[in-house]
């Protein structure tokens, strides 16, 4: 009987893992979209506008990456 219960619960584990995988992929895509969008918006600013918010053009990608991904 234990053998049957083990096999019966196995698909639930697979579905949970698949669901988790797709949720993580969706979140990764959202973070990437935010990253690209933020970099594009900051690159449109003038050097003076960037200085006003404490950035320089050379560190836009590093700052945005740290903000979006937390690294």
PDB file of N, CA and C in Angstrom:
ATOM      1  N   UNK A   1       0.812  -1.189   0.000  1.00  0.00           N
ATOM      2  CA  UNK A   1       0.000   0.000   0.000  1.00  0.00           C
ATOM      3  C   UNK A   1       0.864   1.265   0.000  1.00  0.00           C
ATOM      4  N   UNK A   2       1.942   1.263   0.725  1.00  0.00           N
ATOM      5  CA  UNK A   2       2.831   2.421   0.749  1.00  0.00           C
ATOM      6  C   UNK A   2       3.392   2.692  -0.641  1.00  0.00           C
ATOM      7  N   UNK A   3       3.678   1.643  -1.355  1.00  0.00           N
ATOM      8  CA  UNK A   3       4.205   1.774  -2.707  1.00  0.00           C
ATOM      9  C   UNK A   3       3.226   2.546  -3.596  1.00  0.00           C
ATOM     10  N   UNK A   4       1.952   2.260  -3.490  1.00  0.00           N
ATOM     11  CA  UNK A   4       0.932   2.937  -4.288  1.00  0.00           C
ATOM     12  C   UNK A   4       0.831   4.411  -3.912  1.00  0.00           C
ATOM     13  N   UNK A   5       0.877   4.722  -2.634  1.00  0.00           N
ATOM     14  CA  UNK A   5       0.786   6.109  -2.185  1.00  0.00           C
ATOM     15  C   UNK A   5       1.995   6.917  -2.649  1.00  0.00           C
ATOM     16  N   UNK A   6       3.163   6.293  -2.655  1.00  0.00           N
ATOM     17  CA  UNK A   6       4.361   6.987  -3.110  1.00  0.00           C
ATOM     18  C   UNK A   6       4.238   7.378  -4.582  1.00  0.00           C
ATOM     19  N   UNK A   7       3.740   6.458  -5.400  1.00  0.00           N
ATOM     20  CA  UNK A   7       3.566   6.769  -6.812  1.00  0.00           C
ATOM     21  C   UNK A   7       2.441   7.768  -7.037  1.00  0.00           C
ATOM     22  N   UNK A   8       1.420   7.729  -6.219  1.00  0.00           N
ATOM     23  CA  UNK A   8       0.304   8.650  -6.380  1.00  0.00           C
ATOM     24  C   UNK A   8       0.725  10.079  -6.074  1.00  0.00           C
ATOM     25  N   UNK A   9       1.646  10.261  -5.140  1.00  0.00           N
ATOM     26  CA  UNK A   9       2.057  11.622  -4.785  1.00  0.00           C
ATOM     27  C   UNK A   9       3.185  12.142  -5.680  1.00  0.00           C
ATOM     28  N   UNK A  10       3.822  11.287  -6.440  1.00  0.00           N
ATOM     29  CA  UNK A  10       4.928  11.716  -7.287  1.00  0.00           C
ATOM     30  C   UNK A  10       4.524  12.763  -8.318  1.00  0.00           C
ATOM     31  N   UNK A  11       3.396  12.616  -9.030  1.00  0.00           N
ATOM     32  CA  UNK A  11       3.047  13.650 -10.005  1.00  0.00           C
ATOM     33  C   UNK A  11       2.814  15.019  -9.385  1.00  0.00           C
ATOM     34  N   UNK A  12       2.317  15.060  -8.160  1.00  0.00           N
ATOM     35  CA  UNK A  12       2.111  16.351  -7.502  1.00  0.00           C
ATOM     36  C   UNK A  12       3.443  17.066  -7.334  1.00  0.00           C
ATOM     37  N   UNK A  13       4.478  16.313  -6.961  1.00  0.00           N
ATOM     38  CA  UNK A  13       5.803  16.907  -6.834  1.00  0.00           C
ATOM     39  C   UNK A  13       6.315  17.443  -8.160  1.00  0.00           C
ATOM     40  N   UNK A  14       6.057  16.714  -9.218  1.00  0.00           N
ATOM     41  CA  UNK A  14       6.477  17.160 -10.545  1.00  0.00           C
ATOM     42  C   UNK A  14       5.733  18.433 -10.940  1.00  0.00           C
ATOM     43  N   UNK A  15       4.432  18.469 -10.706  1.00  0.00           N
ATOM     44  CA  UNK A  15       3.656  19.657 -11.051  1.00  0.00           C
ATOM     45  C   UNK A  15       4.076  20.854 -10.211  1.00  0.00           C
ATOM     46  N   UNK A  16       4.383  20.612  -8.965  1.00  0.00           N
ATOM     47  CA  UNK A  16       4.835  21.704  -8.101  1.00  0.00           C
ATOM     48  C   UNK A  16       6.173  22.255  -8.595  1.00  0.00           C
ATOM     49  N   UNK A  17       7.074  21.356  -8.995  1.00  0.00           N
ATOM     50  CA  UNK A  17       8.369  21.802  -9.503  1.00  0.00           C
ATOM     51  C   UNK A  17       8.224  22.547 -10.822  1.00  0.00           C
ATOM     52  N   UNK A  18       7.361  22.047 -11.689  1.00  0.00           N
ATOM     53  CA  UNK A  18       7.121  22.747 -12.958  1.00  0.00           C
ATOM     54  C   UNK A  18       6.503  24.114 -12.725  1.00  0.00           C
ATOM     55  N   UNK A  19       5.550  24.162 -11.826  1.00  0.00           N
ATOM     56  CA  UNK A  19       4.910  25.436 -11.500  1.00  0.00           C
ATOM     57  C   UNK A  19       5.932  26.419 -10.947  1.00  0.00           C
ATOM     58  N   UNK A  20       6.783  25.933 -10.064  1.00  0.00           N
ATOM     59  CA  UNK A  20       7.829  26.777  -9.489  1.00  0.00           C
ATOM     60  C   UNK A  20       8.795  27.259 -10.568  1.00  0.00           C
ATOM     61  N   UNK A  21       9.160  26.362 -11.471  1.00  0.00           N
ATOM     62  CA  UNK A  21      10.067  26.729 -12.570  1.00  0.00           C
ATOM     63  C   UNK A  21       9.476  27.847 -13.418  1.00  0.00           C
ATOM     64  N   UNK A  22       8.209  27.698 -13.809  1.00  0.00           N
ATOM     65  CA  UNK A  22       7.590  28.710 -14.654  1.00  0.00           C
ATOM     66  C   UNK A  22       7.382  30.026 -13.905  1.00  0.00           C
ATOM     67  N   UNK A  23       7.095  29.954 -12.612  1.00  0.00           N
ATOM     68  CA  UNK A  23       6.958  31.173 -11.820  1.00  0.00           C
ATOM     69  C   UNK A  23       8.292  31.910 -11.734  1.00  0.00           C
ATOM     70  N   UNK A  24       9.368  31.170 -11.513  1.00  0.00           N
ATOM     71  CA  UNK A  24      10.699  31.786 -11.461  1.00  0.00           C
ATOM     72  C   UNK A  24      11.084  32.379 -12.813  1.00  0.00           C
ATOM     73  N   UNK A  25      10.737  31.696 -13.891  1.00  0.00           N
ATOM     74  CA  UNK A  25      11.030  32.216 -15.232  1.00  0.00           C
ATOM     75  C   UNK A  25      10.256  33.508 -15.482  1.00  0.00           C
ATOM     76  N   UNK A  26       9.014  33.534 -15.047  1.00  0.00           N
ATOM     77  CA  UNK A  26       8.179  34.731 -15.208  1.00  0.00           C
ATOM     78  C   UNK A  26       8.770  35.900 -14.418  1.00  0.00           C
ATOM     79  N   UNK A  27       9.213  35.631 -13.195  1.00  0.00           N
ATOM     80  CA  UNK A  27       9.815  36.681 -12.373  1.00  0.00           C
ATOM     81  C   UNK A  27      11.139  37.159 -12.966  1.00  0.00           C
ATOM     82  N   UNK A  28      11.932  36.238 -13.499  1.00  0.00           N
ATOM     83  CA  UNK A  28      13.202  36.610 -14.125  1.00  0.00           C
ATOM     84  C   UNK A  28      12.956  37.502 -15.339  1.00  0.00           C
ATOM     85  N   UNK A  29      11.946  37.167 -16.119  1.00  0.00           N
ATOM     86  CA  UNK A  29      11.595  37.975 -17.296  1.00  0.00           C
ATOM     87  C   UNK A  29      11.158  39.375 -16.877  1.00  0.00           C
ATOM     88  N   UNK A  30      10.380  39.451 -15.807  1.00  0.00           N
ATOM     89  CA  UNK A  30       9.920  40.753 -15.315  1.00  0.00           C
ATOM     90  C   UNK A  30      11.100  41.596 -14.830  1.00  0.00           C
ATOM     91  N   UNK A  31      12.048  40.967 -14.122  1.00  0.00           N
ATOM     92  CA  UNK A  31      13.238  41.702 -13.670  1.00  0.00           C
ATOM     93  C   UNK A  31      14.058  42.186 -14.859  1.00  0.00           C
ATOM     94  N   UNK A  32      14.219  41.345 -15.863  1.00  0.00           N
ATOM     95  CA  UNK A  32      14.987  41.725 -17.044  1.00  0.00           C
ATOM     96  C   UNK A  32      14.313  42.893 -17.774  1.00  0.00           C
ATOM     97  N   UNK A  33      12.999  42.821 -17.902  1.00  0.00           N
ATOM     98  CA  UNK A  33      12.251  43.898 -18.551  1.00  0.00           C
ATOM     99  C   UNK A  33      12.435  45.204 -17.791  1.00  0.00           C
ATOM    100  N   UNK A  34      12.361  45.151 -16.466  1.00  0.00           N
ATOM    101  CA  UNK A  34      12.576  46.342 -15.643  1.00  0.00           C
ATOM    102  C   UNK A  34      13.980  46.877 -15.836  1.00  0.00           C
ATOM    103  N   UNK A  35      14.965  45.987 -15.878  1.00  0.00           N
ATOM    104  CA  UNK A  35      16.355  46.390 -16.076  1.00  0.00           C
ATOM    105  C   UNK A  35      16.525  47.140 -17.392  1.00  0.00           C
ATOM    106  N   UNK A  36      16.060  46.536 -18.487  1.00  0.00           N
ATOM    107  CA  UNK A  36      16.217  47.142 -19.818  1.00  0.00           C
ATOM    108  C   UNK A  36      15.490  48.481 -19.887  1.00  0.00           C
ATOM    109  N   UNK A  37      14.287  48.517 -19.376  1.00  0.00           N
ATOM    110  CA  UNK A  37      13.484  49.743 -19.419  1.00  0.00           C
ATOM    111  C   UNK A  37      14.159  50.868 -18.614  1.00  0.00           C
ATOM    112  N   UNK A  38      14.668  50.541 -17.442  1.00  0.00           N
ATOM    113  CA  UNK A  38      15.303  51.547 -16.594  1.00  0.00           C
ATOM    114  C   UNK A  38      16.586  52.066 -17.230  1.00  0.00           C
ATOM    115  N   UNK A  39      17.390  51.170 -17.785  1.00  0.00           N
ATOM    116  CA  UNK A  39      18.625  51.601 -18.458  1.00  0.00           C
ATOM    117  C   UNK A  39      18.290  52.537 -19.614  1.00  0.00           C
ATOM    118  N   UNK A  40      17.295  52.180 -20.414  1.00  0.00           N
ATOM    119  CA  UNK A  40      16.920  53.037 -21.549  1.00  0.00           C
ATOM    120  C   UNK A  40      16.464  54.412 -21.081  1.00  0.00           C
ATOM    121  N   UNK A  41      15.665  54.449 -20.020  1.00  0.00           N
ATOM    122  CA  UNK A  41      15.179  55.739 -19.516  1.00  0.00           C
ATOM    123  C   UNK A  41      16.328  56.598 -19.004  1.00  0.00           C
ATOM    124  N   UNK A  42      17.249  55.994 -18.274  1.00  0.00           N
ATOM    125  CA  UNK A  42      18.377  56.766 -17.750  1.00  0.00           C
ATOM    126  C   UNK A  42      19.314  57.213 -18.857  1.00  0.00           C
ATOM    127  N   UNK A  43      19.480  56.406 -19.887  1.00  0.00           N
ATOM    128  CA  UNK A  43      20.355  56.801 -20.992  1.00  0.00           C
ATOM    129  C   UNK A  43      19.795  57.969 -21.787  1.00  0.00           C
ATOM    130  N   UNK A  44      18.510  58.196 -21.704  1.00  0.00           N
ATOM    131  CA  UNK A  44      17.893  59.342 -22.391  1.00  0.00           C
ATOM    132  C   UNK A  44      18.174  60.673 -21.680  1.00  0.00           C
ATOM    133  N   UNK A  45      18.561  60.596 -20.406  1.00  0.00           N
ATOM    134  CA  UNK A  45      18.807  61.817 -19.643  1.00  0.00           C
ATOM    135  C   UNK A  45      20.122  62.462 -20.065  1.00  0.00           C
ATOM    136  N   UNK A  46      20.206  63.760 -19.853  1.00  0.00           N
ATOM    137  CA  UNK A  46      21.458  64.471 -20.118  1.00  0.00           C
ATOM    138  C   UNK A  46      22.430  64.195 -18.974  1.00  0.00           C
ATOM    139  N   UNK A  47      23.690  64.531 -19.197  1.00  0.00           N
ATOM    140  CA  UNK A  47      24.689  64.354 -18.142  1.00  0.00           C
ATOM    141  C   UNK A  47      24.328  65.182 -16.910  1.00  0.00           C
ATOM    142  N   UNK A  48      23.790  66.348 -17.135  1.00  0.00           N
ATOM    143  CA  UNK A  48      23.383  67.227 -16.017  1.00  0.00           C
ATOM    144  C   UNK A  48      22.245  66.595 -15.216  1.00  0.00           C
ATOM    145  N   UNK A  49      21.266  66.039 -15.919  1.00  0.00           N
ATOM    146  CA  UNK A  49      20.142  65.385 -15.226  1.00  0.00           C
ATOM    147  C   UNK A  49      20.617  64.153 -14.446  1.00  0.00           C
ATOM    148  N   UNK A  50      21.543  63.408 -15.026  1.00  0.00           N
ATOM    149  CA  UNK A  50      22.107  62.253 -14.319  1.00  0.00           C
ATOM    150  C   UNK A  50      22.855  62.699 -13.068  1.00  0.00           C
ATOM    151  N   UNK A  51      23.622  63.772 -13.185  1.00  0.00           N
ATOM    152  CA  UNK A  51      24.354  64.295 -12.031  1.00  0.00           C
ATOM    153  C   UNK A  51      23.392  64.728 -10.931  1.00  0.00           C
ATOM    154  N   UNK A  52      22.252  65.271 -11.320  1.00  0.00           N
ATOM    155  CA  UNK A  52      21.250  65.702 -10.335  1.00  0.00           C
ATOM    156  C   UNK A  52      20.724  64.542  -9.497  1.00  0.00           C
ATOM    157  N   UNK A  53      20.702  63.336 -10.073  1.00  0.00           N
ATOM    158  CA  UNK A  53      20.232  62.169  -9.320  1.00  0.00           C
ATOM    159  C   UNK A  53      21.402  61.326  -8.805  1.00  0.00           C
ATOM    160  N   UNK A  54      22.612  61.857  -8.924  1.00  0.00           N
ATOM    161  CA  UNK A  54      23.781  61.196  -8.361  1.00  0.00           C
ATOM    162  C   UNK A  54      24.376  60.090  -9.207  1.00  0.00           C
ATOM    163  N   UNK A  55      24.161  60.146 -10.504  1.00  0.00           N
ATOM    164  CA  UNK A  55      24.707  59.129 -11.410  1.00  0.00           C
ATOM    165  C   UNK A  55      25.602  59.777 -12.452  1.00  0.00           C
ATOM    166  N   UNK A  56      26.488  58.978 -13.010  1.00  0.00           N
ATOM    167  CA  UNK A  56      27.202  59.394 -14.209  1.00  0.00           C
ATOM    168  C   UNK A  56      26.945  58.328 -15.265  1.00  0.00           C
ATOM    169  N   UNK A  57      27.066  58.717 -16.491  1.00  0.00           N
ATOM    170  CA  UNK A  57      26.706  57.837 -17.607  1.00  0.00           C
ATOM    171  C   UNK A  57      27.439  56.489 -17.551  1.00  0.00           C
ATOM    172  N   UNK A  58      28.668  56.506 -17.087  1.00  0.00           N
ATOM    173  CA  UNK A  58      29.461  55.278 -17.102  1.00  0.00           C
ATOM    174  C   UNK A  58      29.006  54.231 -16.079  1.00  0.00           C
ATOM    175  N   UNK A  59      28.206  54.623 -15.093  1.00  0.00           N
ATOM    176  CA  UNK A  59      27.787  53.623 -14.113  1.00  0.00           C
ATOM    177  C   UNK A  59      26.281  53.336 -14.125  1.00  0.00           C
ATOM    178  N   UNK A  60      25.614  53.690 -15.211  1.00  0.00           N
ATOM    179  CA  UNK A  60      24.173  53.433 -15.301  1.00  0.00           C
ATOM    180  C   UNK A  60      23.880  51.936 -15.205  1.00  0.00           C
ATOM    181  N   UNK A  61      24.519  51.146 -16.045  1.00  0.00           N
ATOM    182  CA  UNK A  61      24.182  49.713 -16.073  1.00  0.00           C
ATOM    183  C   UNK A  61      24.514  49.035 -14.748  1.00  0.00           C
ATOM    184  N   UNK A  62      25.635  49.388 -14.144  1.00  0.00           N
ATOM    185  CA  UNK A  62      26.011  48.787 -12.860  1.00  0.00           C
ATOM    186  C   UNK A  62      25.008  49.151 -11.768  1.00  0.00           C
ATOM    187  N   UNK A  63      24.609  50.408 -11.713  1.00  0.00           N
ATOM    188  CA  UNK A  63      23.665  50.859 -10.696  1.00  0.00           C
ATOM    189  C   UNK A  63      22.294  50.212 -10.882  1.00  0.00           C
ATOM    190  N   UNK A  64      21.830  50.168 -12.119  1.00  0.00           N
ATOM    191  CA  UNK A  64      20.525  49.565 -12.389  1.00  0.00           C
ATOM    192  C   UNK A  64      20.561  48.067 -12.091  1.00  0.00           C
ATOM    193  N   UNK A  65      21.635  47.402 -12.488  1.00  0.00           N
ATOM    194  CA  UNK A  65      21.764  45.971 -12.210  1.00  0.00           C
ATOM    195  C   UNK A  65      21.687  45.707 -10.704  1.00  0.00           C
ATOM    196  N   UNK A  66      22.409  46.488  -9.930  1.00  0.00           N
ATOM    197  CA  UNK A  66      22.400  46.331  -8.480  1.00  0.00           C
ATOM    198  C   UNK A  66      21.011  46.587  -7.903  1.00  0.00           C
ATOM    199  N   UNK A  67      20.323  47.561  -8.444  1.00  0.00           N
ATOM    200  CA  UNK A  67      18.985  47.897  -7.960  1.00  0.00           C
ATOM    201  C   UNK A  67      17.963  46.798  -8.320  1.00  0.00           C
ATOM    202  N   UNK A  68      18.005  46.301  -9.538  1.00  0.00           N
ATOM    203  CA  UNK A  68      17.027  45.322 -10.001  1.00  0.00           C
ATOM    204  C   UNK A  68      17.297  43.925  -9.460  1.00  0.00           C
ATOM    205  N   UNK A  69      18.570  43.511  -9.508  1.00  0.00           N
ATOM    206  CA  UNK A  69      18.924  42.142  -9.125  1.00  0.00           C
ATOM    207  C   UNK A  69      19.467  42.016  -7.713  1.00  0.00           C
ATOM    208  N   UNK A  70      19.786  43.147  -7.093  1.00  0.00           N
ATOM    209  CA  UNK A  70      20.255  43.112  -5.725  1.00  0.00           C
ATOM    210  C   UNK A  70      21.668  42.590  -5.555  1.00  0.00           C
ATOM    211  N   UNK A  71      22.468  42.624  -6.604  1.00  0.00           N
ATOM    212  CA  UNK A  71      23.853  42.135  -6.507  1.00  0.00           C
ATOM    213  C   UNK A  71      24.820  43.276  -6.429  1.00  0.00           C
TER     214      UNK A  71
END
